[in-house]
Structures are given as C-alpha cells and as structure tokens.
Amino acid sequence: MVRVRAAAGTLKLLSAREGGPEMDRITALGLDVDEGMVLIAGDELYYGSDAIHALSLLSSRSGLFNRLNFLVFRSKALSRVIYPVLRAGRNLALKLLRRSRINNLELPENDRF
C-alpha cells in the first residue's frame, strides 16, 4: 500500500461499488471507474494515469515500494505508458475472478469484463 506523506493529509480509500456522494460526482463528470482510477484531492479530480501520477507525488519516499512507485510514476509521460498495462492486468484479474463491472455510467451491455 502506498504511504502518503503527512503534509498531503489523510488518504481515504473508497469502494466504487458502494456508491455515495463521491461516486455521484465522478459519474456526473462522465468518468468511467471501470476504465480508470480516480483520485480526489481537495476540489481536484485526477483520472487514470493522471491519478496514479498525482498519487506518486503525494506518497512518502520511505520503503522500497514507495520509492519505486515515486520513481516510476513521477513522470507523466511514463505514467501514461504504464497505466494502461496496469489497468489491463486489473481487468484480466477481475475477469478471472468473474467480477462484474461497476458500470457507473450505465452503458448498455457493459456488465462483464
């Protein structure tokens, strides 16, 4: 798990499957949580590779995983290249686990990975 620097504040991990006001806001903006992660930092929303890039900048540099995370994702360009590979791996894992899509945008015939 990524450790967030104390100066960045508290990180709250939410389940998109449980809904709530954050998901209502994300859906209203047309962001598909099946296709990208979302980071809400104050009033700002970061989506997909921008979210993982911003999260790496907020993370502490202590520990091997956190240092590696920072080194890889501090570059926006590298984040854009690597993020789709990570998303594809996530989607494959969810498909193998037979999990359904969240489909927060209520797209037709979009219930399975």
C-alpha atoms as a PDB file:
ATOM      1  CA  MET A   1       0.000   0.000   0.000  1.00  0.00           C
ATOM      2  CA  VAL A   2       1.254   3.471  -0.819  1.00  0.00           C
ATOM      3  CA  ARG A   3       2.097   5.638   2.181  1.00  0.00           C
ATOM      4  CA  VAL A   4       1.019   9.247   1.810  1.00  0.00           C
ATOM      5  CA  ARG A   5       3.260  11.985   3.191  1.00  0.00           C
ATOM      6  CA  ALA A   6       1.925  13.627   6.341  1.00  0.00           C
ATOM      7  CA  ALA A   7       1.896  17.009   4.576  1.00  0.00           C
ATOM      8  CA  ALA A   8      -0.514  15.599   1.980  1.00  0.00           C
ATOM      9  CA  GLY A   9      -3.149  14.782   4.598  1.00  0.00           C
ATOM     10  CA  THR A  10      -5.190  11.655   5.118  1.00  0.00           C
ATOM     11  CA  LEU A  11      -5.871   9.223   2.305  1.00  0.00           C
ATOM     12  CA  LYS A  12      -9.349   7.713   2.338  1.00  0.00           C
ATOM     13  CA  LEU A  13      -9.884   4.657   0.143  1.00  0.00           C
ATOM     14  CA  LEU A  14     -13.459   4.291  -1.119  1.00  0.00           C
ATOM     15  CA  SER A  15     -15.216   1.390  -2.797  1.00  0.00           C
ATOM     16  CA  ALA A  16     -16.849   2.500  -6.032  1.00  0.00           C
ATOM     17  CA  ARG A  17     -19.248  -0.445  -5.684  1.00  0.00           C
ATOM     18  CA  GLU A  18     -20.767   1.130  -2.569  1.00  0.00           C
ATOM     19  CA  GLY A  19     -21.709   4.421  -4.229  1.00  0.00           C
ATOM     20  CA  GLY A  20     -22.021   7.634  -2.251  1.00  0.00           C
ATOM     21  CA  PRO A  21     -21.589  11.350  -2.947  1.00  0.00           C
ATOM     22  CA  GLU A  22     -18.076  10.911  -4.340  1.00  0.00           C
ATOM     23  CA  MET A  23     -19.336   8.375  -6.902  1.00  0.00           C
ATOM     24  CA  ASP A  24     -22.245  10.663  -7.786  1.00  0.00           C
ATOM     25  CA  ARG A  25     -19.732  13.435  -8.544  1.00  0.00           C
ATOM     26  CA  ILE A  26     -17.463  11.101 -10.552  1.00  0.00           C
ATOM     27  CA  THR A  27     -20.411   9.786 -12.586  1.00  0.00           C
ATOM     28  CA  ALA A  28     -21.764  13.302 -13.212  1.00  0.00           C
ATOM     29  CA  LEU A  29     -18.381  14.174 -14.737  1.00  0.00           C
ATOM     30  CA  GLY A  30     -18.653  11.149 -17.055  1.00  0.00           C
ATOM     31  CA  LEU A  31     -15.651   9.302 -15.603  1.00  0.00           C
ATOM     32  CA  ASP A  32     -15.840   5.527 -16.077  1.00  0.00           C
ATOM     33  CA  VAL A  33     -14.401   3.862 -12.950  1.00  0.00           C
ATOM     34  CA  ASP A  34     -14.155   0.552 -14.811  1.00  0.00           C
ATOM     35  CA  GLU A  35     -11.599   2.164 -17.121  1.00  0.00           C
ATOM     36  CA  GLY A  36      -9.614   4.294 -14.677  1.00  0.00           C
ATOM     37  CA  MET A  37      -8.965   5.057 -11.049  1.00  0.00           C
ATOM     38  CA  VAL A  38      -9.977   8.417  -9.591  1.00  0.00           C
ATOM     39  CA  LEU A  39      -8.083  10.479  -7.033  1.00  0.00           C
ATOM     40  CA  ILE A  40      -9.942  13.299  -5.320  1.00  0.00           C
ATOM     41  CA  ALA A  41      -7.546  15.795  -3.730  1.00  0.00           C
ATOM     42  CA  GLY A  42      -9.459  18.703  -2.277  1.00  0.00           C
ATOM     43  CA  ASP A  43     -11.620  20.054  -5.088  1.00  0.00           C
ATOM     44  CA  GLU A  44      -9.475  18.486  -7.827  1.00  0.00           C
ATOM     45  CA  LEU A  45     -10.214  15.164  -9.539  1.00  0.00           C
ATOM     46  CA  TYR A  46      -7.488  13.169 -11.263  1.00  0.00           C
ATOM     47  CA  TYR A  47      -8.394  10.259 -13.531  1.00  0.00           C
ATOM     48  CA  GLY A  48      -6.447   7.327 -14.942  1.00  0.00           C
ATOM     49  CA  SER A  49      -2.743   7.941 -15.453  1.00  0.00           C
ATOM     50  CA  ASP A  50      -3.100  11.456 -14.013  1.00  0.00           C
ATOM     51  CA  ALA A  51      -4.420   9.919 -10.781  1.00  0.00           C
ATOM     52  CA  ILE A  52      -1.526   7.498 -10.385  1.00  0.00           C
ATOM     53  CA  HIS A  53       0.942  10.291 -11.233  1.00  0.00           C
ATOM     54  CA  ALA A  54      -0.578  12.638  -8.623  1.00  0.00           C
ATOM     55  CA  LEU A  55      -0.674   9.838  -6.044  1.00  0.00           C
ATOM     56  CA  SER A  56       3.027   9.150  -6.573  1.00  0.00           C
ATOM     57  CA  LEU A  57       3.810  12.817  -5.922  1.00  0.00           C
ATOM     58  CA  LEU A  58       1.806  12.693  -2.673  1.00  0.00           C
ATOM     59  CA  SER A  59       3.387   9.458  -1.473  1.00  0.00           C
ATOM     60  CA  SER A  60       6.210   9.242   1.030  1.00  0.00           C
ATOM     61  CA  ARG A  61       9.617   8.078  -0.131  1.00  0.00           C
ATOM     62  CA  SER A  62      10.080   5.621   2.747  1.00  0.00           C
ATOM     63  CA  GLY A  63      10.200   1.935   1.927  1.00  0.00           C
ATOM     64  CA  LEU A  64      11.158   0.173  -1.276  1.00  0.00           C
ATOM     65  CA  PHE A  65       7.638   0.067  -2.755  1.00  0.00           C
ATOM     66  CA  ASN A  66       7.021   3.774  -2.157  1.00  0.00           C
ATOM     67  CA  ARG A  67      10.392   4.755  -3.645  1.00  0.00           C
ATOM     68  CA  LEU A  68       9.783   2.557  -6.681  1.00  0.00           C
ATOM     69  CA  ASN A  69       6.256   3.956  -7.065  1.00  0.00           C
ATOM     70  CA  PHE A  70       7.632   7.502  -6.972  1.00  0.00           C
ATOM     71  CA  LEU A  71      10.468   6.791  -9.415  1.00  0.00           C
ATOM     72  CA  VAL A  72       8.166   5.158 -11.968  1.00  0.00           C
ATOM     73  CA  PHE A  73       5.089   7.374 -11.770  1.00  0.00           C
ATOM     74  CA  ARG A  74       6.609  10.806 -11.074  1.00  0.00           C
ATOM     75  CA  SER A  75       6.876  11.192 -14.846  1.00  0.00           C
ATOM     76  CA  LYS A  76       3.543  11.996 -16.501  1.00  0.00           C
ATOM     77  CA  ALA A  77       4.771  10.517 -19.781  1.00  0.00           C
ATOM     78  CA  LEU A  78       5.844   7.247 -18.174  1.00  0.00           C
ATOM     79  CA  SER A  79       2.579   7.119 -16.213  1.00  0.00           C
ATOM     80  CA  ARG A  80       0.638   7.379 -19.488  1.00  0.00           C
ATOM     81  CA  VAL A  81       2.610   4.465 -20.942  1.00  0.00           C
ATOM     82  CA  ILE A  82       2.499   2.147 -17.912  1.00  0.00           C
ATOM     83  CA  TYR A  83      -1.025   2.856 -16.626  1.00  0.00           C
ATOM     84  CA  PRO A  84      -2.871   1.050 -19.473  1.00  0.00           C
ATOM     85  CA  VAL A  85      -0.766  -2.060 -18.840  1.00  0.00           C
ATOM     86  CA  LEU A  86      -1.670  -1.982 -15.139  1.00  0.00           C
ATOM     87  CA  ARG A  87      -5.346  -1.409 -15.987  1.00  0.00           C
ATOM     88  CA  ALA A  88      -5.307  -4.358 -18.406  1.00  0.00           C
ATOM     89  CA  GLY A  89      -3.821  -6.552 -15.664  1.00  0.00           C
ATOM     90  CA  ARG A  90      -6.524  -5.418 -13.250  1.00  0.00           C
ATOM     91  CA  ASN A  91      -9.249  -6.099 -15.801  1.00  0.00           C
ATOM     92  CA  LEU A  92      -7.840  -9.562 -16.514  1.00  0.00           C
ATOM     93  CA  ALA A  93      -7.732 -10.372 -12.790  1.00  0.00           C
ATOM     94  CA  LEU A  94     -11.343  -9.217 -12.362  1.00  0.00           C
ATOM     95  CA  LYS A  95     -12.390 -11.285 -15.390  1.00  0.00           C
ATOM     96  CA  LEU A  96     -10.691 -14.394 -13.976  1.00  0.00           C
ATOM     97  CA  LEU A  97     -12.433 -13.751 -10.644  1.00  0.00           C
ATOM     98  CA  ARG A  98     -15.746 -13.408 -12.550  1.00  0.00           C
ATOM     99  CA  ARG A  99     -16.413  -9.971 -11.082  1.00  0.00           C
ATOM    100  CA  SER A 100     -18.916  -7.729 -12.782  1.00  0.00           C
ATOM    101  CA  ARG A 101     -18.160  -4.209 -13.951  1.00  0.00           C
ATOM    102  CA  ILE A 102     -19.316  -1.345 -11.765  1.00  0.00           C
ATOM    103  CA  ASN A 103     -20.788   0.350 -14.858  1.00  0.00           C
ATOM    104  CA  ASN A 104     -21.337   3.659 -13.088  1.00  0.00           C
ATOM    105  CA  LEU A 105     -22.152   5.292 -16.434  1.00  0.00           C
ATOM    106  CA  GLU A 106     -24.872   2.673 -17.046  1.00  0.00           C
ATOM    107  CA  LEU A 107     -23.576   1.803 -20.505  1.00  0.00           C
ATOM    108  CA  PRO A 108     -25.619  -0.883 -22.318  1.00  0.00           C
ATOM    109  CA  GLU A 109     -24.136  -4.397 -22.424  1.00  0.00           C
ATOM    110  CA  ASN A 110     -21.258  -3.344 -20.174  1.00  0.00           C
ATOM    111  CA  ASP A 111     -21.719  -5.671 -17.221  1.00  0.00           C
ATOM    112  CA  ARG A 112     -18.777  -8.074 -17.728  1.00  0.00           C
ATOM    113  CA  PHE A 113     -15.025  -7.698 -18.139  1.00  0.00           C
END
